[in-house]
Protein backbone atom coordinates (compact mmCIF):
# COMPACT_ATOMS: atom_id res chain seq x y z
CA MET A 1 35.37 -6.21 47.32
CA ASN A 2 33.25 -8.75 47.70
CA GLY A 3 29.67 -8.56 48.70
CA THR A 4 26.12 -7.33 47.48
CA TYR A 5 25.80 -4.47 45.27
CA SER A 6 22.72 -2.48 43.89
CA ALA A 7 21.74 0.47 41.74
CA SER A 8 22.52 3.15 44.01
CA ASP A 9 26.57 1.81 44.17
CA VAL A 10 27.39 2.44 40.61
CA ALA A 11 27.66 5.90 39.11
CA PHE A 12 26.25 6.60 35.60
CA PRO A 13 27.39 9.30 33.45
CA ILE A 14 25.38 11.91 31.60
CA VAL A 15 23.31 10.15 28.96
CA HIS A 16 23.63 12.49 26.14
CA ASN A 17 20.83 11.85 23.28
CA SER A 18 21.68 13.58 20.08
CA PRO A 19 20.40 13.64 18.17
CA SER A 20 17.27 13.62 19.66
CA LYS A 21 15.40 10.35 18.72
CA PRO A 22 11.51 10.33 18.81
CA ALA A 23 9.80 8.93 21.77
CA ILE A 24 7.79 6.34 19.84
CA CYS A 25 8.83 4.54 16.68
CA PRO A 26 6.90 5.35 13.52
CA THR A 27 3.59 2.64 12.86
CA THR A 28 4.02 3.54 8.81
CA PRO A 29 6.70 5.03 6.52
CA PRO A 30 6.59 8.38 6.04
CA PRO A 31 5.48 9.61 2.65
CA GLY A 32 8.35 9.05 0.18
CA GLY A 33 9.76 6.14 1.96
CA ALA A 34 10.51 2.79 1.42
CA CYS A 35 6.96 2.04 0.18
CA SER A 36 5.51 5.08 -1.70
CA VAL A 37 3.68 4.54 -5.03
CA VAL A 38 1.43 7.55 -6.63
CA ASN A 39 -0.84 7.63 -9.69
CA LEU A 40 0.38 10.02 -12.36
CA LYS A 41 -2.26 9.54 -14.57
CA THR A 42 -5.37 7.85 -15.34
CA GLU A 43 -6.55 7.00 -18.83
CA PHE A 44 -9.91 5.64 -20.75
CA LYS A 45 -9.17 4.86 -23.85
CA ASP A 46 -11.63 2.56 -25.74
CA ARG A 47 -11.23 -0.71 -24.01
CA HIS A 48 -9.00 -0.24 -21.84
CA VAL A 49 -8.21 1.89 -18.26
CA LYS A 50 -4.36 2.72 -18.10
CA PHE A 51 -2.91 3.90 -14.68
CA SER A 52 0.61 5.25 -14.85
CA LEU A 53 2.15 4.25 -11.39
CA LYS A 54 5.06 5.43 -9.89
CA ASN A 55 7.39 4.02 -7.44
CA THR A 56 8.58 7.07 -5.29
CA GLY A 57 9.60 5.38 -2.50
CA THR A 58 12.88 4.00 -1.41
CA ALA A 59 12.74 0.32 -2.33
CA ARG A 60 11.30 -2.04 -4.98
CA VAL A 61 7.29 -2.80 -4.73
CA TYR A 62 5.07 -5.53 -5.66
CA LEU A 63 1.67 -4.93 -6.98
CA THR A 64 0.14 -7.97 -4.57
CA SER A 65 -3.54 -7.55 -5.59
CA LEU A 66 -6.14 -5.43 -7.46
CA ASP A 67 -9.85 -4.79 -5.99
CA VAL A 68 -11.95 -3.97 -9.24
CA THR A 69 -15.54 -2.86 -9.45
CA TRP A 70 -17.03 -2.39 -12.86
CA THR A 71 -20.84 -2.74 -14.19
CA THR A 72 -22.34 -4.31 -17.32
CA PRO A 73 -21.76 -2.33 -20.11
CA ALA A 74 -17.77 -2.33 -19.84
CA GLY A 75 -18.77 -6.00 -20.51
CA LYS A 76 -16.14 -9.08 -19.04
CA LEU A 77 -12.61 -7.80 -17.64
CA LYS A 78 -10.26 -9.82 -19.98
CA LYS A 79 -6.79 -8.63 -19.07
CA ILE A 80 -4.90 -7.33 -16.72
CA LYS A 81 -1.23 -5.96 -17.15
CA LEU A 82 1.48 -4.08 -15.64
CA GLY A 83 3.92 -2.57 -18.17
CA ALA A 84 4.61 -5.56 -20.96
CA ASP A 85 3.95 -8.28 -18.15
CA VAL A 86 0.53 -9.69 -18.18
CA LEU A 87 -0.82 -10.37 -14.18
CA TYR A 88 -3.78 -11.86 -15.09
CA ASP A 89 -5.66 -13.57 -18.22
CA ASN A 90 -8.08 -15.93 -18.73
CA PRO A 91 -10.97 -16.74 -17.77
CA ASP A 92 -12.53 -13.78 -18.69
CA VAL A 93 -14.71 -12.17 -15.41
CA ASN A 94 -18.02 -11.03 -15.83
CA PRO A 95 -19.02 -7.31 -14.50
CA THR A 96 -18.68 -7.78 -10.34
CA THR A 97 -16.53 -6.81 -7.47
CA LYS A 98 -13.41 -8.82 -7.59
CA THR A 99 -10.10 -9.21 -5.97
CA PHE A 100 -7.30 -10.18 -8.35
CA THR A 101 -4.18 -11.24 -6.51
CA PHE A 102 -0.62 -11.90 -7.80
CA LYS A 103 2.81 -13.27 -6.82
CA ALA A 104 5.26 -10.68 -5.62
CA ASP A 105 7.57 -11.39 -8.36
CA LYS A 106 9.28 -9.96 -11.42
CA LYS A 107 6.18 -9.48 -13.43
CA SER A 108 4.66 -7.48 -10.52
CA LYS A 109 7.19 -5.18 -9.58
CA ILE A 110 8.10 -1.47 -10.00
CA ASP A 111 11.71 -0.51 -8.84
CA LYS A 112 12.11 2.52 -7.15
CA GLY A 113 12.13 5.65 -9.36
CA HIS A 114 10.39 3.90 -12.07
CA THR A 115 7.11 4.20 -13.62
CA GLU A 116 5.10 1.27 -14.96
CA VAL A 117 1.65 1.13 -16.59
CA LEU A 118 -1.16 -0.82 -15.20
CA ASP A 119 -3.52 -1.86 -17.84
CA LEU A 120 -6.92 -3.48 -17.49
CA GLU A 121 -8.65 -4.85 -20.67
CA PHE A 122 -12.24 -4.96 -20.75
CA ALA A 123 -14.63 -6.38 -23.44
CA ASN A 124 -16.46 -3.01 -24.43
CA LYS A 125 -15.55 0.47 -24.10
CA VAL A 126 -14.80 1.40 -20.91
CA ASN A 127 -15.43 5.08 -18.97
CA ALA A 128 -15.89 6.27 -15.32
CA THR A 129 -19.30 5.22 -14.76
CA ASN A 130 -18.86 1.47 -15.83
CA VAL A 131 -15.44 1.10 -14.13
CA THR A 132 -16.35 2.51 -10.65
CA SER A 133 -13.60 1.43 -8.54
CA VAL A 134 -9.99 0.07 -8.56
CA VAL A 135 -7.82 0.04 -5.40
CA ALA A 136 -4.41 -1.45 -5.68
CA HIS A 137 -2.41 -3.48 -2.82
CA PHE A 138 1.44 -3.24 -2.72
CA LYS A 139 3.58 -5.99 -0.72
CA ASP A 140 5.19 -4.58 2.61
CA CYS A 141 3.05 -1.09 1.97
CA PRO A 142 0.39 -0.12 4.95
CA ASP A 143 -2.11 1.70 2.98
CA PRO A 144 -3.95 0.59 -0.49
CA LEU A 145 -3.79 2.90 -3.59
CA LYS A 146 -7.33 4.17 -4.46
CA LEU A 147 -6.91 4.45 -8.22
CA ILE A 148 -10.23 5.14 -8.93
CA GLY A 149 -13.82 5.78 -6.35
């Protein structure tokens, strides 16, 4: 056959949509999806604020930044650690609101199913009134994790 054809000249079989597909793609992963970190415990102990962070998602995550607000009674922020790895050390930071940025590498990772302790060390004794806000940001996670505040 020679000539021009249109869509009306072609017969399509019935298209079966099984299992049914969503009409739109989700914009964020569902809870427990690829990126899901929960704070199991917050502990104020002497000069340290410690958070037990569990990766409940399906992939490794990386802590890329931390927003911290603290007041004069806590003194300077001296060090930030995730597990045994030091993410920030020097210079000591005066009380303020500050964002600390980290490389997405082996020091900032939490493997899927694992728990790591995020430890903020200050010059003086800390509590919930002098460390007022801590928010963690993870690579490829749509929402920050509010730890305090």
